[in-house]
N, C-alpha and C. Protein backbone atom coordinates (compact mmCIF):
# COMPACT_ATOMS: atom_id res chain seq x y z
N UNK A 1 30.60 8.60 73.73
CA UNK A 1 30.18 7.75 72.63
C UNK A 1 28.73 8.04 72.24
N UNK A 2 27.88 8.20 73.26
CA UNK A 2 26.47 8.46 72.97
C UNK A 2 26.29 9.77 72.21
N UNK A 3 27.07 10.79 72.57
CA UNK A 3 26.93 12.08 71.89
C UNK A 3 27.31 12.00 70.41
N UNK A 4 28.16 11.06 70.04
CA UNK A 4 28.52 10.93 68.63
C UNK A 4 27.45 10.22 67.82
N UNK A 5 26.50 9.55 68.50
CA UNK A 5 25.42 8.84 67.83
C UNK A 5 24.23 9.77 67.69
N UNK A 6 23.89 10.11 66.48
CA UNK A 6 22.78 11.03 66.21
C UNK A 6 21.60 10.21 65.68
N UNK A 7 20.65 9.99 66.55
CA UNK A 7 19.51 9.13 66.24
C UNK A 7 18.27 9.96 65.94
N UNK A 8 17.42 9.45 65.06
CA UNK A 8 16.14 10.09 64.77
C UNK A 8 15.07 9.61 65.75
N UNK A 9 15.48 8.87 66.78
CA UNK A 9 14.57 8.35 67.80
C UNK A 9 15.17 8.58 69.18
N UNK A 10 14.34 8.61 70.19
CA UNK A 10 14.83 8.65 71.55
C UNK A 10 14.97 10.05 72.11
N UNK A 11 15.52 10.15 73.32
CA UNK A 11 15.55 11.43 74.03
C UNK A 11 16.46 12.47 73.38
N UNK A 12 17.45 12.07 72.60
CA UNK A 12 18.38 13.02 71.97
C UNK A 12 18.18 13.06 70.45
N UNK A 13 16.95 12.86 70.01
CA UNK A 13 16.71 12.72 68.58
C UNK A 13 17.05 13.97 67.78
N UNK A 14 17.44 13.72 66.55
CA UNK A 14 17.73 14.77 65.58
C UNK A 14 16.82 14.56 64.38
N UNK A 15 16.77 15.53 63.48
CA UNK A 15 15.97 15.39 62.26
C UNK A 15 16.51 14.22 61.44
N UNK A 16 15.63 13.49 60.72
CA UNK A 16 16.11 12.35 59.94
C UNK A 16 17.27 12.68 59.00
N UNK A 17 17.30 13.87 58.47
CA UNK A 17 18.40 14.25 57.58
C UNK A 17 19.72 14.47 58.29
N UNK A 18 19.69 14.60 59.62
CA UNK A 18 20.90 14.84 60.41
C UNK A 18 21.41 13.59 61.12
N UNK A 19 20.66 12.52 61.06
CA UNK A 19 21.04 11.33 61.82
C UNK A 19 22.25 10.62 61.19
N UNK A 20 22.90 9.80 62.00
CA UNK A 20 24.00 8.98 61.49
C UNK A 20 23.85 7.53 61.92
N UNK A 21 22.61 7.08 62.09
CA UNK A 21 22.33 5.70 62.47
C UNK A 21 22.80 4.78 61.36
N UNK A 22 23.79 3.93 61.62
CA UNK A 22 24.32 3.08 60.55
C UNK A 22 23.27 2.16 59.95
N UNK A 23 22.29 1.73 60.74
CA UNK A 23 21.26 0.85 60.20
C UNK A 23 20.37 1.57 59.20
N UNK A 24 20.23 2.89 59.32
CA UNK A 24 19.41 3.65 58.37
C UNK A 24 20.16 3.94 57.08
N UNK A 25 21.44 3.58 57.06
CA UNK A 25 22.22 3.67 55.82
C UNK A 25 22.50 2.27 55.30
N UNK A 26 21.71 1.31 55.80
CA UNK A 26 21.69 -0.08 55.36
C UNK A 26 22.87 -0.91 55.82
N UNK A 27 23.62 -0.46 56.83
CA UNK A 27 24.52 -1.37 57.52
C UNK A 27 23.65 -2.32 58.33
N UNK A 28 24.11 -3.52 58.59
CA UNK A 28 23.30 -4.43 59.43
C UNK A 28 23.07 -3.83 60.81
N UNK A 29 21.88 -4.08 61.37
CA UNK A 29 21.60 -3.63 62.74
C UNK A 29 22.54 -4.29 63.72
N UNK A 30 22.89 -5.52 63.44
CA UNK A 30 23.77 -6.26 64.32
C UNK A 30 23.06 -6.74 65.57
N UNK A 31 23.86 -7.34 66.43
CA UNK A 31 23.36 -7.88 67.68
C UNK A 31 23.99 -7.10 68.82
N UNK A 32 23.23 -6.76 69.84
CA UNK A 32 21.91 -7.24 70.22
C UNK A 32 20.75 -6.41 69.69
N UNK A 33 21.04 -5.39 68.89
CA UNK A 33 19.97 -4.52 68.41
C UNK A 33 18.87 -5.29 67.68
N UNK A 34 19.23 -6.33 66.98
CA UNK A 34 18.21 -7.10 66.25
C UNK A 34 17.14 -7.62 67.20
N UNK A 35 17.51 -7.90 68.47
CA UNK A 35 16.53 -8.34 69.46
C UNK A 35 15.92 -7.17 70.24
N UNK A 36 16.58 -6.02 70.21
CA UNK A 36 16.10 -4.89 71.01
C UNK A 36 15.28 -3.88 70.21
N UNK A 37 15.32 -3.96 68.90
CA UNK A 37 14.58 -3.02 68.05
C UNK A 37 14.23 -3.73 66.76
N UNK A 38 13.09 -3.42 66.22
CA UNK A 38 12.57 -4.05 65.00
C UNK A 38 12.36 -5.55 65.20
N UNK A 39 11.99 -5.93 66.41
CA UNK A 39 11.70 -7.34 66.65
C UNK A 39 10.40 -7.67 65.95
N UNK A 40 10.48 -8.58 65.05
CA UNK A 40 9.30 -9.01 64.28
C UNK A 40 9.29 -10.52 64.28
N UNK A 41 8.58 -11.13 63.37
CA UNK A 41 8.55 -12.59 63.31
C UNK A 41 9.98 -13.11 63.18
N UNK A 42 10.33 -14.07 64.00
CA UNK A 42 11.65 -14.68 64.00
C UNK A 42 11.46 -16.19 63.98
N UNK A 43 12.12 -16.84 63.05
CA UNK A 43 12.04 -18.30 62.98
C UNK A 43 13.27 -18.88 63.65
N UNK A 44 13.06 -19.89 64.49
CA UNK A 44 14.16 -20.54 65.20
C UNK A 44 14.26 -21.97 64.69
N UNK A 45 15.44 -22.33 64.22
CA UNK A 45 15.69 -23.68 63.72
C UNK A 45 16.74 -24.32 64.62
N UNK A 46 16.45 -25.52 65.10
CA UNK A 46 17.39 -26.22 65.98
C UNK A 46 17.94 -27.44 65.26
N UNK A 47 19.26 -27.58 65.28
CA UNK A 47 19.93 -28.78 64.77
C UNK A 47 20.72 -29.37 65.94
N UNK A 48 21.32 -30.54 65.77
CA UNK A 48 22.12 -31.10 66.87
C UNK A 48 23.32 -30.24 67.27
N UNK A 49 23.81 -29.36 66.38
CA UNK A 49 25.02 -28.58 66.65
C UNK A 49 24.78 -27.11 66.90
N UNK A 50 23.62 -26.59 66.50
CA UNK A 50 23.42 -25.16 66.58
C UNK A 50 21.95 -24.79 66.52
N UNK A 51 21.69 -23.55 66.94
CA UNK A 51 20.39 -22.90 66.74
C UNK A 51 20.63 -21.84 65.68
N UNK A 52 19.66 -21.66 64.81
CA UNK A 52 19.73 -20.61 63.80
C UNK A 52 18.49 -19.75 63.96
N UNK A 53 18.69 -18.45 64.14
CA UNK A 53 17.58 -17.51 64.24
C UNK A 53 17.48 -16.77 62.91
N UNK A 54 16.33 -16.86 62.28
CA UNK A 54 16.06 -16.17 61.02
C UNK A 54 15.20 -14.96 61.35
N UNK A 55 15.78 -13.78 61.18
CA UNK A 55 15.09 -12.54 61.51
C UNK A 55 14.41 -11.96 60.27
N UNK A 56 13.19 -11.46 60.44
CA UNK A 56 12.46 -10.83 59.34
C UNK A 56 13.16 -9.56 58.87
N UNK A 57 13.52 -8.70 59.83
CA UNK A 57 14.09 -7.40 59.47
C UNK A 57 15.44 -7.59 58.80
N UNK A 58 15.56 -7.16 57.57
CA UNK A 58 16.75 -7.28 56.73
C UNK A 58 17.08 -8.71 56.32
N UNK A 59 16.17 -9.64 56.60
CA UNK A 59 16.35 -11.03 56.18
C UNK A 59 17.75 -11.54 56.52
N UNK A 60 18.12 -11.47 57.79
CA UNK A 60 19.43 -11.94 58.24
C UNK A 60 19.25 -13.13 59.18
N UNK A 61 20.32 -13.85 59.39
CA UNK A 61 20.28 -14.98 60.30
C UNK A 61 21.41 -14.86 61.30
N UNK A 62 21.28 -15.60 62.37
CA UNK A 62 22.29 -15.64 63.42
C UNK A 62 22.46 -17.08 63.86
N UNK A 63 23.71 -17.50 64.04
CA UNK A 63 24.01 -18.85 64.47
C UNK A 63 24.43 -18.83 65.93
N UNK A 64 23.85 -19.71 66.71
CA UNK A 64 24.23 -19.92 68.11
C UNK A 64 24.72 -21.35 68.20
N UNK A 65 26.00 -21.54 68.42
CA UNK A 65 26.58 -22.88 68.50
C UNK A 65 26.18 -23.53 69.82
N UNK A 66 25.69 -24.76 69.76
CA UNK A 66 25.27 -25.49 70.96
C UNK A 66 25.96 -26.85 71.04
N UNK A 67 27.14 -26.94 70.44
CA UNK A 67 27.87 -28.21 70.39
C UNK A 67 28.92 -28.34 71.50
N UNK A 68 28.89 -27.45 72.50
CA UNK A 68 29.80 -27.54 73.62
C UNK A 68 31.05 -26.70 73.49
N UNK A 69 31.23 -26.03 72.38
CA UNK A 69 32.42 -25.20 72.21
C UNK A 69 32.38 -24.00 73.15
N UNK A 70 33.55 -23.42 73.39
CA UNK A 70 33.68 -22.23 74.21
C UNK A 70 33.70 -20.99 73.31
N UNK A 71 33.43 -19.84 73.90
CA UNK A 71 33.57 -18.59 73.16
C UNK A 71 35.05 -18.39 72.82
N UNK A 72 35.35 -17.86 71.64
CA UNK A 72 36.75 -17.58 71.33
C UNK A 72 37.30 -16.50 72.25
N UNK A 73 38.59 -16.58 72.56
CA UNK A 73 39.21 -15.62 73.48
C UNK A 73 39.37 -14.24 72.86
N UNK A 74 39.65 -14.16 71.57
CA UNK A 74 39.85 -12.88 70.89
C UNK A 74 39.19 -12.94 69.51
N UNK A 75 37.85 -12.96 69.47
CA UNK A 75 37.17 -13.12 68.17
C UNK A 75 37.29 -11.87 67.30
N UNK A 76 37.33 -12.08 65.99
CA UNK A 76 37.23 -10.96 65.06
C UNK A 76 35.83 -10.38 65.22
N UNK A 77 35.69 -9.06 65.20
CA UNK A 77 34.35 -8.47 65.35
C UNK A 77 33.43 -8.87 64.20
N UNK A 78 32.19 -9.15 64.56
CA UNK A 78 31.15 -9.52 63.59
C UNK A 78 29.91 -8.68 63.88
N UNK A 79 29.11 -8.46 62.86
CA UNK A 79 27.87 -7.71 63.05
C UNK A 79 27.01 -8.34 64.15
N UNK A 80 26.96 -9.67 64.18
CA UNK A 80 26.10 -10.37 65.13
C UNK A 80 26.91 -11.10 66.20
N UNK A 81 28.19 -10.80 66.29
CA UNK A 81 29.03 -11.39 67.32
C UNK A 81 29.23 -12.88 67.12
N UNK A 82 29.72 -13.49 68.15
CA UNK A 82 29.97 -14.93 68.17
C UNK A 82 29.22 -15.49 69.36
N UNK A 83 28.32 -16.44 69.14
CA UNK A 83 27.41 -16.91 70.18
C UNK A 83 27.54 -18.40 70.41
N UNK A 84 27.53 -18.78 71.69
CA UNK A 84 27.43 -20.18 72.09
C UNK A 84 26.31 -20.30 73.11
N UNK A 85 25.63 -21.42 73.09
CA UNK A 85 24.52 -21.63 74.00
C UNK A 85 24.48 -23.04 74.52
N UNK A 86 23.74 -23.22 75.60
CA UNK A 86 23.54 -24.58 76.13
C UNK A 86 22.20 -24.64 76.84
N UNK A 87 21.68 -25.84 76.90
CA UNK A 87 20.41 -26.06 77.58
C UNK A 87 20.66 -26.21 79.07
N UNK A 88 19.96 -25.39 79.88
CA UNK A 88 20.04 -25.50 81.34
C UNK A 88 19.09 -26.59 81.83
N UNK A 89 17.97 -26.72 81.13
CA UNK A 89 16.99 -27.77 81.40
C UNK A 89 16.17 -27.91 80.12
N UNK A 90 15.09 -28.67 80.15
CA UNK A 90 14.29 -28.91 78.95
C UNK A 90 13.62 -27.66 78.41
N UNK A 91 13.57 -26.58 79.18
CA UNK A 91 12.81 -25.40 78.80
C UNK A 91 13.63 -24.11 78.74
N UNK A 92 14.92 -24.17 79.06
CA UNK A 92 15.72 -22.95 79.18
C UNK A 92 17.03 -23.08 78.41
N UNK A 93 17.21 -22.19 77.45
CA UNK A 93 18.42 -22.16 76.62
C UNK A 93 19.14 -20.86 76.92
N UNK A 94 20.41 -20.94 77.35
CA UNK A 94 21.18 -19.76 77.75
C UNK A 94 22.29 -19.54 76.73
N UNK A 95 22.42 -18.29 76.27
CA UNK A 95 23.36 -17.94 75.21
C UNK A 95 24.30 -16.84 75.71
N UNK A 96 25.59 -16.98 75.41
CA UNK A 96 26.59 -15.96 75.68
C UNK A 96 27.13 -15.48 74.34
N UNK A 97 27.25 -14.16 74.18
CA UNK A 97 27.74 -13.60 72.92
C UNK A 97 28.83 -12.58 73.21
N UNK A 98 29.92 -12.66 72.44
CA UNK A 98 31.00 -11.68 72.46
C UNK A 98 31.39 -11.39 71.01
N UNK A 99 32.36 -10.51 70.83
CA UNK A 99 32.89 -10.27 69.49
C UNK A 99 31.96 -9.47 68.59
N UNK A 100 31.14 -8.59 69.19
CA UNK A 100 30.25 -7.78 68.35
C UNK A 100 31.02 -6.59 67.80
N UNK A 101 30.61 -6.14 66.64
CA UNK A 101 31.23 -5.01 65.97
C UNK A 101 30.75 -3.73 66.64
N UNK A 102 31.67 -2.93 67.15
CA UNK A 102 31.26 -1.74 67.90
C UNK A 102 30.67 -0.64 67.03
N UNK A 103 30.65 -0.81 65.72
CA UNK A 103 29.97 0.16 64.86
C UNK A 103 28.46 0.07 65.01
N UNK A 104 27.97 -1.07 65.51
CA UNK A 104 26.52 -1.21 65.69
C UNK A 104 26.08 -0.49 66.96
N UNK A 105 24.80 -0.17 67.03
CA UNK A 105 24.22 0.44 68.21
C UNK A 105 23.41 -0.62 68.95
N UNK A 106 23.19 -0.41 70.23
CA UNK A 106 22.37 -1.36 70.99
C UNK A 106 20.90 -1.25 70.62
N UNK A 107 20.46 -0.04 70.28
CA UNK A 107 19.04 0.18 69.99
C UNK A 107 18.88 1.37 69.07
N UNK A 108 17.65 1.72 68.77
CA UNK A 108 17.38 2.82 67.84
C UNK A 108 17.58 4.19 68.47
N UNK A 109 17.80 4.27 69.79
CA UNK A 109 18.09 5.55 70.44
C UNK A 109 19.58 5.86 70.41
N UNK A 110 20.39 4.95 69.90
CA UNK A 110 21.82 5.21 69.74
C UNK A 110 22.69 4.79 70.89
N UNK A 111 22.17 3.97 71.80
CA UNK A 111 23.02 3.52 72.92
C UNK A 111 24.23 2.76 72.37
N UNK A 112 25.43 3.16 72.77
CA UNK A 112 26.64 2.57 72.22
C UNK A 112 27.08 1.32 72.98
N UNK A 113 28.08 0.67 72.43
CA UNK A 113 28.78 -0.41 73.14
C UNK A 113 30.21 -0.45 72.62
N UNK A 114 31.06 -1.11 73.37
CA UNK A 114 32.46 -1.25 72.97
C UNK A 114 32.71 -2.67 72.47
N UNK A 115 33.97 -2.91 72.11
CA UNK A 115 34.35 -4.26 71.67
C UNK A 115 34.33 -5.25 72.84
N UNK A 116 34.19 -4.76 74.07
CA UNK A 116 34.15 -5.64 75.24
C UNK A 116 32.74 -6.09 75.62
N UNK A 117 31.75 -5.71 74.84
CA UNK A 117 30.36 -6.09 75.13
C UNK A 117 30.21 -7.61 75.27
N UNK A 118 29.52 -8.00 76.31
CA UNK A 118 29.10 -9.40 76.49
C UNK A 118 27.59 -9.37 76.70
N UNK A 119 26.90 -10.26 76.03
CA UNK A 119 25.45 -10.33 76.16
C UNK A 119 25.08 -11.75 76.58
N UNK A 120 24.22 -11.81 77.58
CA UNK A 120 23.69 -13.11 78.04
C UNK A 120 22.20 -13.11 77.75
N UNK A 121 21.76 -14.07 76.97
CA UNK A 121 20.34 -14.22 76.66
C UNK A 121 19.83 -15.47 77.35
N UNK A 122 18.61 -15.39 77.86
CA UNK A 122 17.95 -16.56 78.41
C UNK A 122 16.63 -16.72 77.67
N UNK A 123 16.53 -17.79 76.89
CA UNK A 123 15.29 -18.15 76.20
C UNK A 123 14.61 -19.19 77.09
N UNK A 124 13.42 -18.87 77.57
CA UNK A 124 12.72 -19.80 78.47
C UNK A 124 11.34 -20.11 77.91
N UNK A 125 11.10 -21.39 77.67
CA UNK A 125 9.80 -21.84 77.16
C UNK A 125 8.83 -21.94 78.32
N UNK A 126 7.87 -21.03 78.36
CA UNK A 126 6.90 -20.98 79.45
C UNK A 126 5.81 -22.01 79.25
N UNK A 127 5.31 -22.09 78.02
CA UNK A 127 4.29 -23.07 77.66
C UNK A 127 4.42 -23.32 76.16
N UNK A 128 3.49 -24.05 75.59
CA UNK A 128 3.58 -24.44 74.18
C UNK A 128 3.80 -23.26 73.24
N UNK A 129 3.14 -22.15 73.48
CA UNK A 129 3.18 -21.02 72.56
C UNK A 129 3.97 -19.81 73.04
N UNK A 130 4.57 -19.88 74.19
CA UNK A 130 5.19 -18.68 74.75
C UNK A 130 6.66 -18.93 75.07
N UNK A 131 7.50 -18.05 74.54
CA UNK A 131 8.93 -18.08 74.82
C UNK A 131 9.31 -16.74 75.40
N UNK A 132 9.87 -16.72 76.61
CA UNK A 132 10.35 -15.48 77.22
C UNK A 132 11.81 -15.30 76.87
N UNK A 133 12.19 -14.06 76.64
CA UNK A 133 13.57 -13.73 76.33
C UNK A 133 14.04 -12.62 77.26
N UNK A 134 15.11 -12.87 78.00
CA UNK A 134 15.76 -11.84 78.81
C UNK A 134 17.17 -11.67 78.28
N UNK A 135 17.64 -10.42 78.25
CA UNK A 135 18.99 -10.13 77.75
C UNK A 135 19.71 -9.25 78.75
N UNK A 136 20.89 -9.68 79.16
CA UNK A 136 21.71 -8.88 80.06
C UNK A 136 22.88 -8.31 79.28
N UNK A 137 23.01 -7.00 79.32
CA UNK A 137 24.06 -6.26 78.63
C UNK A 137 25.17 -5.98 79.64
N UNK A 138 26.39 -6.40 79.33
CA UNK A 138 27.53 -6.17 80.22
C UNK A 138 28.67 -5.60 79.39
N UNK A 139 28.95 -4.33 79.59
CA UNK A 139 30.03 -3.66 78.86
C UNK A 139 30.69 -2.65 79.80
N UNK A 140 31.71 -3.09 80.56
CA UNK A 140 32.31 -2.21 81.57
C UNK A 140 33.00 -0.98 81.00
N UNK A 141 33.31 -0.95 79.71
CA UNK A 141 33.92 0.25 79.13
C UNK A 141 32.88 1.35 78.92
N UNK A 142 31.61 0.98 78.82
CA UNK A 142 30.57 1.95 78.49
C UNK A 142 29.56 2.14 79.63
N UNK A 143 29.24 1.07 80.36
CA UNK A 143 28.19 1.14 81.39
C UNK A 143 28.78 0.79 82.75
N UNK A 144 28.30 1.44 83.79
CA UNK A 144 28.85 1.24 85.14
C UNK A 144 28.48 -0.11 85.72
N UNK A 145 27.42 -0.72 85.21
CA UNK A 145 27.02 -2.05 85.70
C UNK A 145 26.20 -2.75 84.62
N UNK A 146 26.12 -4.07 84.67
CA UNK A 146 25.27 -4.79 83.72
C UNK A 146 23.81 -4.40 83.90
N UNK A 147 23.05 -4.46 82.83
CA UNK A 147 21.63 -4.17 82.90
C UNK A 147 20.87 -5.15 82.01
N UNK A 148 19.62 -5.39 82.37
CA UNK A 148 18.81 -6.38 81.67
C UNK A 148 17.74 -5.68 80.85
N UNK A 149 17.60 -6.13 79.62
CA UNK A 149 16.61 -5.58 78.69
C UNK A 149 15.60 -6.65 78.32
N UNK A 150 14.42 -6.20 77.91
CA UNK A 150 13.37 -7.09 77.44
C UNK A 150 13.11 -8.23 78.40
N UNK A 151 12.64 -7.90 79.58
CA UNK A 151 12.37 -8.94 80.56
C UNK A 151 11.51 -10.05 80.00
N UNK A 152 10.49 -9.67 79.22
CA UNK A 152 9.63 -10.69 78.63
C UNK A 152 9.28 -10.30 77.21
N UNK A 153 9.62 -11.14 76.29
CA UNK A 153 9.25 -10.96 74.90
C UNK A 153 8.52 -12.22 74.51
N UNK A 154 7.27 -12.10 74.20
CA UNK A 154 6.45 -13.28 73.94
C UNK A 154 6.49 -13.66 72.47
N UNK A 155 6.72 -14.91 72.23
CA UNK A 155 6.67 -15.46 70.88
C UNK A 155 5.48 -16.40 70.80
N UNK A 156 4.89 -16.49 69.64
CA UNK A 156 3.79 -17.42 69.42
C UNK A 156 4.22 -18.42 68.37
N UNK A 157 3.99 -19.68 68.66
CA UNK A 157 4.31 -20.74 67.73
C UNK A 157 3.40 -20.61 66.50
N UNK A 158 4.01 -20.57 65.32
CA UNK A 158 3.26 -20.44 64.07
C UNK A 158 3.19 -21.80 63.38
N UNK A 159 2.24 -21.97 62.46
CA UNK A 159 2.18 -23.24 61.74
C UNK A 159 3.43 -23.46 60.89
N UNK A 160 3.72 -24.70 60.58
CA UNK A 160 4.93 -25.05 59.83
C UNK A 160 5.00 -24.36 58.48
N UNK A 161 3.88 -24.00 57.88
CA UNK A 161 3.88 -23.35 56.56
C UNK A 161 3.90 -21.82 56.65
N UNK A 162 4.12 -21.27 57.83
CA UNK A 162 4.19 -19.82 58.01
C UNK A 162 5.37 -19.26 57.23
N UNK A 163 5.14 -18.16 56.53
CA UNK A 163 6.19 -17.56 55.71
C UNK A 163 6.56 -16.18 56.25
N UNK A 164 7.85 -15.97 56.49
CA UNK A 164 8.32 -14.66 56.92
C UNK A 164 8.24 -13.69 55.75
N UNK A 165 7.80 -12.47 56.01
CA UNK A 165 7.71 -11.47 54.96
C UNK A 165 9.09 -10.88 54.70
N UNK A 166 9.26 -10.26 53.56
CA UNK A 166 10.53 -9.65 53.21
C UNK A 166 10.56 -8.21 53.69
N UNK A 167 11.59 -7.87 54.45
CA UNK A 167 11.82 -6.49 54.89
C UNK A 167 13.29 -6.20 54.67
N UNK A 168 13.59 -5.38 53.71
CA UNK A 168 14.98 -5.10 53.38
C UNK A 168 15.26 -3.61 53.51
N UNK A 169 16.48 -3.28 53.91
CA UNK A 169 16.91 -1.89 53.89
C UNK A 169 17.32 -1.57 52.46
N UNK A 170 16.75 -0.55 51.91
CA UNK A 170 17.02 -0.16 50.54
C UNK A 170 17.59 1.26 50.53
N UNK A 171 18.85 1.44 50.12
CA UNK A 171 19.42 2.79 50.10
C UNK A 171 18.59 3.77 49.29
N UNK A 172 17.99 3.32 48.20
CA UNK A 172 17.19 4.24 47.40
C UNK A 172 15.94 4.69 48.16
N UNK A 173 15.32 3.79 48.94
CA UNK A 173 14.15 4.18 49.72
C UNK A 173 14.53 5.10 50.88
N UNK A 174 15.70 4.86 51.51
CA UNK A 174 16.17 5.74 52.57
C UNK A 174 16.40 7.15 52.01
N UNK A 175 17.05 7.23 50.85
CA UNK A 175 17.33 8.54 50.23
C UNK A 175 16.02 9.26 49.90
N UNK A 176 15.05 8.54 49.38
CA UNK A 176 13.77 9.16 49.04
C UNK A 176 13.04 9.64 50.29
N UNK A 177 13.06 8.83 51.36
CA UNK A 177 12.44 9.25 52.62
C UNK A 177 13.10 10.53 53.12
N UNK A 178 14.43 10.55 53.14
CA UNK A 178 15.14 11.75 53.63
C UNK A 178 14.88 12.95 52.73
N UNK A 179 14.74 12.74 51.43
CA UNK A 179 14.45 13.84 50.51
C UNK A 179 13.09 14.44 50.84
N UNK A 180 12.11 13.58 51.10
CA UNK A 180 10.75 14.06 51.37
C UNK A 180 10.54 14.56 52.79
N UNK A 181 11.13 13.86 53.76
CA UNK A 181 10.79 14.13 55.16
C UNK A 181 11.97 14.53 56.04
N UNK A 182 13.15 14.50 55.52
CA UNK A 182 14.32 14.66 56.37
C UNK A 182 14.93 16.04 56.37
N UNK A 183 14.14 17.06 56.11
CA UNK A 183 14.69 18.41 56.12
C UNK A 183 15.34 18.70 57.46
N UNK A 184 16.52 19.28 57.44
CA UNK A 184 17.26 19.58 58.66
C UNK A 184 16.48 20.53 59.55
N UNK A 185 16.53 20.22 60.86
CA UNK A 185 15.91 21.11 61.84
C UNK A 185 14.40 21.05 61.91
N UNK A 186 13.79 19.95 61.44
CA UNK A 186 12.33 19.87 61.46
C UNK A 186 11.84 18.79 62.38
N UNK A 187 12.35 18.73 63.59
CA UNK A 187 11.91 17.72 64.55
C UNK A 187 10.63 18.21 65.19
N UNK A 188 9.65 17.31 65.26
CA UNK A 188 8.42 17.61 65.99
C UNK A 188 8.39 16.73 67.21
N UNK A 189 8.47 17.32 68.39
CA UNK A 189 8.45 16.55 69.63
C UNK A 189 7.02 16.09 69.90
N UNK A 190 6.93 14.87 70.44
CA UNK A 190 5.62 14.31 70.74
C UNK A 190 5.17 14.72 72.11
């Protein structure tokens, strides 16, 4: 699966004109990639029934149901999967996600996943301004054992009038970038 993913980043990178990263062709990054790459300002809204994460990159949102429901047994694949969460204590919110679309990549290096991917996130409020995020990736069809990513991702509480900037994937801008910089076979190793 990894060999079929041609990324312009990472250890197996190819020239931008040769890549096949779906996110660079303006498909949604999906989950968990949205948390593993292009992590930028993220707004979290809590209601009595759900958490909503508003991501800056591509101006997308994700719903995490916190009303006590269970994960569906056979969910239709979604770009961001199907997520349920619950509070372990006053400072720790644990989320389980299944049903992710296997067309998405885990990260910008092209790490794959299957339809059996399960992701466990732990959001832990350390203090007033700091939220730690740990993510455990479990996909027995692709990986020999679960692994944890982003041991600590620090968030800072912003004022209520903070505005997220617009970052959109634009096919015309991707085409122009590839026209100017994506000549085949022009990788410069760092």
